[in-house]
Amino acid sequence: MIIPTKNPSSSNVSCSNCKACCCRLEVMLISDTGVPEAFITRDQHGGETMKRLNDGWCAALDRDTLLCTIYENRPWICREFEMGSNECIDERIKFL
């Protein structure tokens, strides 16, 4: 297993050695991918986001495995968030 350093590069980033950092971000639902209603929060204007629990993580994240429980129906933003991208590395650094 690769251990991330204080300055991880895209070459040592893997979802298998991550602490689900991206699953702590606010995720707006901007397209229909089939996210189950139980994982959706709506604001007063009808805007939809992924529900987050008190621990700050997405409600769809399995806390034991740190894997998405709705992976096949995950939001478009989650599909576009690339492992090892600058955004990914920035989020990982926050939790090192």
N, C-alpha and C. Protein backbone atom coordinates (compact mmCIF):
# COMPACT_ATOMS: atom_id res chain seq x y z
N MET A 1 0.84 -1.17 0.00
CA MET A 1 0.00 0.00 0.00
C MET A 1 0.88 1.23 0.00
N ILE A 2 0.48 2.24 -0.77
CA ILE A 2 1.20 3.49 -0.85
C ILE A 2 0.66 4.43 0.21
N ILE A 3 1.55 5.02 0.99
CA ILE A 3 1.16 5.97 2.02
C ILE A 3 1.34 7.37 1.47
N PRO A 4 0.28 8.21 1.49
CA PRO A 4 0.43 9.55 0.97
C PRO A 4 1.35 10.38 1.85
N THR A 5 2.13 11.24 1.23
CA THR A 5 3.02 12.14 1.96
C THR A 5 2.31 13.46 2.18
N LYS A 6 2.97 14.40 2.83
CA LYS A 6 2.38 15.71 3.04
C LYS A 6 2.16 16.45 1.73
N ASN A 7 2.81 16.03 0.67
CA ASN A 7 2.66 16.66 -0.62
C ASN A 7 2.43 15.57 -1.67
N PRO A 8 1.26 14.92 -1.63
CA PRO A 8 1.04 13.80 -2.53
C PRO A 8 1.01 14.23 -3.98
N SER A 9 1.54 13.37 -4.83
CA SER A 9 1.45 13.61 -6.26
C SER A 9 0.41 12.65 -6.81
N SER A 10 0.01 12.87 -8.04
CA SER A 10 -1.02 12.01 -8.62
C SER A 10 -0.53 10.57 -8.76
N SER A 11 0.79 10.35 -8.73
CA SER A 11 1.31 9.00 -8.90
C SER A 11 1.14 8.13 -7.66
N ASN A 12 0.94 8.72 -6.47
CA ASN A 12 0.77 7.90 -5.28
C ASN A 12 -0.62 8.04 -4.68
N VAL A 13 -1.57 8.53 -5.45
CA VAL A 13 -2.94 8.68 -5.00
C VAL A 13 -3.77 7.51 -5.50
N SER A 14 -4.49 6.91 -4.59
CA SER A 14 -5.38 5.82 -4.94
C SER A 14 -6.59 5.87 -4.02
N CYS A 15 -7.76 5.58 -4.55
CA CYS A 15 -8.95 5.54 -3.70
C CYS A 15 -8.82 4.47 -2.61
N SER A 16 -8.00 3.44 -2.87
CA SER A 16 -7.84 2.37 -1.89
C SER A 16 -7.01 2.79 -0.68
N ASN A 17 -6.27 3.91 -0.78
CA ASN A 17 -5.50 4.36 0.38
C ASN A 17 -5.96 5.73 0.86
N CYS A 18 -7.17 6.08 0.52
CA CYS A 18 -7.71 7.39 0.87
C CYS A 18 -8.64 7.26 2.07
N LYS A 19 -8.92 8.35 2.68
CA LYS A 19 -9.86 8.41 3.81
C LYS A 19 -11.17 9.04 3.37
N ALA A 20 -11.56 8.81 2.12
CA ALA A 20 -12.81 9.31 1.56
C ALA A 20 -12.92 10.82 1.67
N CYS A 21 -11.81 11.50 1.42
CA CYS A 21 -11.78 12.97 1.52
C CYS A 21 -12.83 13.62 0.64
N CYS A 22 -12.98 13.14 -0.58
CA CYS A 22 -13.95 13.75 -1.49
C CYS A 22 -15.38 13.55 -1.01
N CYS A 23 -15.61 12.58 -0.17
CA CYS A 23 -16.95 12.31 0.34
C CYS A 23 -17.33 13.26 1.47
N ARG A 24 -16.45 14.21 1.77
CA ARG A 24 -16.75 15.25 2.75
C ARG A 24 -17.17 16.56 2.07
N LEU A 25 -17.07 16.60 0.75
CA LEU A 25 -17.43 17.81 0.01
C LEU A 25 -18.93 17.92 -0.18
N GLU A 26 -19.42 19.14 -0.30
CA GLU A 26 -20.84 19.32 -0.62
C GLU A 26 -21.04 18.96 -2.09
N VAL A 27 -22.01 18.12 -2.35
CA VAL A 27 -22.26 17.65 -3.72
C VAL A 27 -23.65 18.09 -4.15
N MET A 28 -23.67 19.00 -5.12
CA MET A 28 -24.94 19.44 -5.68
C MET A 28 -25.40 18.44 -6.73
N LEU A 29 -26.68 18.18 -6.74
CA LEU A 29 -27.26 17.27 -7.74
C LEU A 29 -27.76 18.12 -8.90
N ILE A 30 -27.06 18.02 -10.02
CA ILE A 30 -27.40 18.85 -11.18
C ILE A 30 -27.89 18.03 -12.37
N SER A 31 -27.91 16.72 -12.21
CA SER A 31 -28.45 15.86 -13.26
C SER A 31 -29.05 14.64 -12.58
N ASP A 32 -29.92 13.95 -13.28
CA ASP A 32 -30.58 12.78 -12.71
C ASP A 32 -29.75 11.53 -12.99
N THR A 33 -29.17 10.97 -11.93
CA THR A 33 -28.42 9.72 -12.07
C THR A 33 -29.08 8.59 -11.29
N GLY A 34 -30.22 8.89 -10.68
CA GLY A 34 -30.92 7.87 -9.93
C GLY A 34 -30.54 7.80 -8.46
N VAL A 35 -30.00 8.89 -7.91
CA VAL A 35 -29.66 8.91 -6.49
C VAL A 35 -30.94 8.66 -5.70
N PRO A 36 -30.94 7.67 -4.81
CA PRO A 36 -32.14 7.39 -4.00
C PRO A 36 -32.53 8.59 -3.13
N GLU A 37 -33.82 8.80 -2.99
CA GLU A 37 -34.36 9.93 -2.21
C GLU A 37 -33.78 10.00 -0.80
N ALA A 38 -33.50 8.87 -0.20
CA ALA A 38 -32.99 8.85 1.17
C ALA A 38 -31.65 9.58 1.32
N PHE A 39 -30.95 9.81 0.22
CA PHE A 39 -29.64 10.46 0.26
C PHE A 39 -29.67 11.90 -0.25
N ILE A 40 -30.86 12.45 -0.47
CA ILE A 40 -31.00 13.79 -1.03
C ILE A 40 -31.54 14.76 0.02
N THR A 41 -30.94 15.94 0.07
CA THR A 41 -31.43 17.05 0.90
C THR A 41 -31.85 18.17 -0.03
N ARG A 42 -32.98 18.79 0.26
CA ARG A 42 -33.46 19.91 -0.56
C ARG A 42 -33.48 21.17 0.29
N ASP A 43 -33.04 22.29 -0.33
CA ASP A 43 -33.09 23.56 0.39
C ASP A 43 -34.44 24.23 0.13
N GLN A 44 -34.63 25.41 0.70
CA GLN A 44 -35.92 26.10 0.60
C GLN A 44 -36.28 26.51 -0.82
N HIS A 45 -35.29 26.52 -1.71
CA HIS A 45 -35.55 26.90 -3.11
C HIS A 45 -35.65 25.68 -4.03
N GLY A 46 -35.57 24.48 -3.46
CA GLY A 46 -35.67 23.27 -4.25
C GLY A 46 -34.35 22.73 -4.74
N GLY A 47 -33.24 23.40 -4.39
CA GLY A 47 -31.92 22.91 -4.77
C GLY A 47 -31.62 21.59 -4.05
N GLU A 48 -31.02 20.67 -4.76
CA GLU A 48 -30.74 19.35 -4.19
C GLU A 48 -29.25 19.13 -3.99
N THR A 49 -28.90 18.58 -2.84
CA THR A 49 -27.53 18.19 -2.54
C THR A 49 -27.56 16.80 -1.92
N MET A 50 -26.40 16.16 -1.92
CA MET A 50 -26.29 14.88 -1.23
C MET A 50 -26.36 15.15 0.27
N LYS A 51 -27.12 14.33 0.96
CA LYS A 51 -27.25 14.46 2.41
C LYS A 51 -25.92 14.10 3.05
N ARG A 52 -25.56 14.88 4.08
CA ARG A 52 -24.36 14.58 4.85
C ARG A 52 -24.78 14.34 6.29
N LEU A 53 -24.11 13.41 6.92
CA LEU A 53 -24.42 13.09 8.31
C LEU A 53 -23.60 13.96 9.24
N ASN A 54 -23.83 13.83 10.54
CA ASN A 54 -23.16 14.67 11.53
C ASN A 54 -21.64 14.57 11.50
N ASP A 55 -21.10 13.47 10.99
CA ASP A 55 -19.64 13.32 10.93
C ASP A 55 -19.04 14.07 9.74
N GLY A 56 -19.89 14.68 8.91
CA GLY A 56 -19.42 15.47 7.78
C GLY A 56 -19.31 14.70 6.48
N TRP A 57 -19.42 13.38 6.54
CA TRP A 57 -19.32 12.57 5.34
C TRP A 57 -20.68 12.41 4.67
N CYS A 58 -20.64 12.11 3.39
CA CYS A 58 -21.84 11.84 2.61
C CYS A 58 -22.61 10.68 3.24
N ALA A 59 -23.93 10.80 3.24
CA ALA A 59 -24.78 9.76 3.82
C ALA A 59 -24.68 8.44 3.06
N ALA A 60 -24.23 8.49 1.80
CA ALA A 60 -24.13 7.26 0.99
C ALA A 60 -22.82 6.52 1.20
N LEU A 61 -21.93 7.06 2.02
CA LEU A 61 -20.64 6.42 2.25
C LEU A 61 -20.75 5.36 3.34
N ASP A 62 -20.30 4.15 3.04
CA ASP A 62 -20.24 3.08 4.05
C ASP A 62 -19.07 3.41 4.97
N ARG A 63 -19.35 3.65 6.23
CA ARG A 63 -18.32 4.08 7.18
C ARG A 63 -17.29 3.01 7.48
N ASP A 64 -17.62 1.75 7.28
CA ASP A 64 -16.68 0.66 7.56
C ASP A 64 -15.70 0.44 6.41
N THR A 65 -16.19 0.51 5.18
CA THR A 65 -15.33 0.23 4.02
C THR A 65 -14.85 1.50 3.33
N LEU A 66 -15.48 2.63 3.64
CA LEU A 66 -15.23 3.91 2.97
C LEU A 66 -15.48 3.82 1.47
N LEU A 67 -16.47 2.99 1.10
CA LEU A 67 -16.90 2.87 -0.29
C LEU A 67 -18.31 3.43 -0.44
N CYS A 68 -18.60 3.91 -1.63
CA CYS A 68 -19.91 4.47 -1.92
C CYS A 68 -20.94 3.34 -2.03
N THR A 69 -22.05 3.49 -1.30
CA THR A 69 -23.09 2.46 -1.34
C THR A 69 -24.03 2.62 -2.54
N ILE A 70 -23.91 3.74 -3.25
CA ILE A 70 -24.75 3.97 -4.43
C ILE A 70 -23.88 4.26 -5.66
N TYR A 71 -22.73 3.61 -5.73
CA TYR A 71 -21.73 3.91 -6.76
C TYR A 71 -22.32 3.95 -8.16
N GLU A 72 -23.15 3.00 -8.51
CA GLU A 72 -23.74 2.96 -9.86
C GLU A 72 -24.71 4.11 -10.10
N ASN A 73 -25.23 4.72 -9.03
CA ASN A 73 -26.17 5.83 -9.13
C ASN A 73 -25.61 7.11 -8.53
N ARG A 74 -24.29 7.19 -8.39
CA ARG A 74 -23.67 8.37 -7.77
C ARG A 74 -23.91 9.60 -8.65
N PRO A 75 -23.88 10.78 -8.01
CA PRO A 75 -24.11 12.02 -8.76
C PRO A 75 -23.06 12.27 -9.83
N TRP A 76 -23.44 13.11 -10.79
CA TRP A 76 -22.54 13.46 -11.89
C TRP A 76 -21.24 14.04 -11.37
N ILE A 77 -21.30 14.92 -10.37
CA ILE A 77 -20.09 15.55 -9.82
C ILE A 77 -19.14 14.50 -9.27
N CYS A 78 -19.66 13.49 -8.62
CA CYS A 78 -18.82 12.41 -8.09
C CYS A 78 -18.16 11.63 -9.23
N ARG A 79 -18.88 11.47 -10.32
CA ARG A 79 -18.34 10.76 -11.48
C ARG A 79 -17.20 11.55 -12.12
N GLU A 80 -17.28 12.88 -12.06
CA GLU A 80 -16.30 13.75 -12.69
C GLU A 80 -15.09 14.05 -11.80
N PHE A 81 -15.20 13.80 -10.50
CA PHE A 81 -14.11 14.09 -9.57
C PHE A 81 -13.05 13.01 -9.76
N GLU A 82 -11.96 13.36 -10.43
CA GLU A 82 -10.96 12.36 -10.82
C GLU A 82 -9.95 12.07 -9.73
N MET A 83 -9.71 10.79 -9.50
CA MET A 83 -8.67 10.37 -8.58
C MET A 83 -7.34 10.92 -9.06
N GLY A 84 -6.61 11.59 -8.18
CA GLY A 84 -5.29 12.12 -8.52
C GLY A 84 -5.31 13.49 -9.16
N SER A 85 -6.50 14.05 -9.39
CA SER A 85 -6.58 15.39 -9.96
C SER A 85 -6.11 16.41 -8.92
N ASN A 86 -5.89 17.64 -9.36
CA ASN A 86 -5.48 18.69 -8.43
C ASN A 86 -6.50 18.86 -7.31
N GLU A 87 -7.79 18.78 -7.63
CA GLU A 87 -8.83 18.91 -6.63
C GLU A 87 -8.75 17.77 -5.61
N CYS A 88 -8.52 16.57 -6.09
CA CYS A 88 -8.39 15.39 -5.23
C CYS A 88 -7.20 15.57 -4.27
N ILE A 89 -6.08 15.96 -4.82
CA ILE A 89 -4.88 16.13 -3.99
C ILE A 89 -5.09 17.24 -2.97
N ASP A 90 -5.73 18.34 -3.37
CA ASP A 90 -6.01 19.43 -2.43
C ASP A 90 -6.86 18.94 -1.26
N GLU A 91 -7.87 18.12 -1.53
CA GLU A 91 -8.72 17.61 -0.46
C GLU A 91 -7.96 16.64 0.44
N ARG A 92 -7.13 15.79 -0.14
CA ARG A 92 -6.34 14.83 0.65
C ARG A 92 -5.39 15.54 1.61
N ILE A 93 -4.77 16.63 1.13
CA ILE A 93 -3.82 17.37 1.97
C ILE A 93 -4.51 17.91 3.22
N LYS A 94 -5.76 18.31 3.10
CA LYS A 94 -6.50 18.85 4.25
C LYS A 94 -6.63 17.83 5.38
N PHE A 95 -6.61 16.54 5.05
CA PHE A 95 -6.86 15.50 6.05
C PHE A 95 -5.62 14.69 6.42
N LEU A 96 -4.45 15.11 5.97
CA LEU A 96 -3.21 14.41 6.32
C LEU A 96 -2.73 14.82 7.70
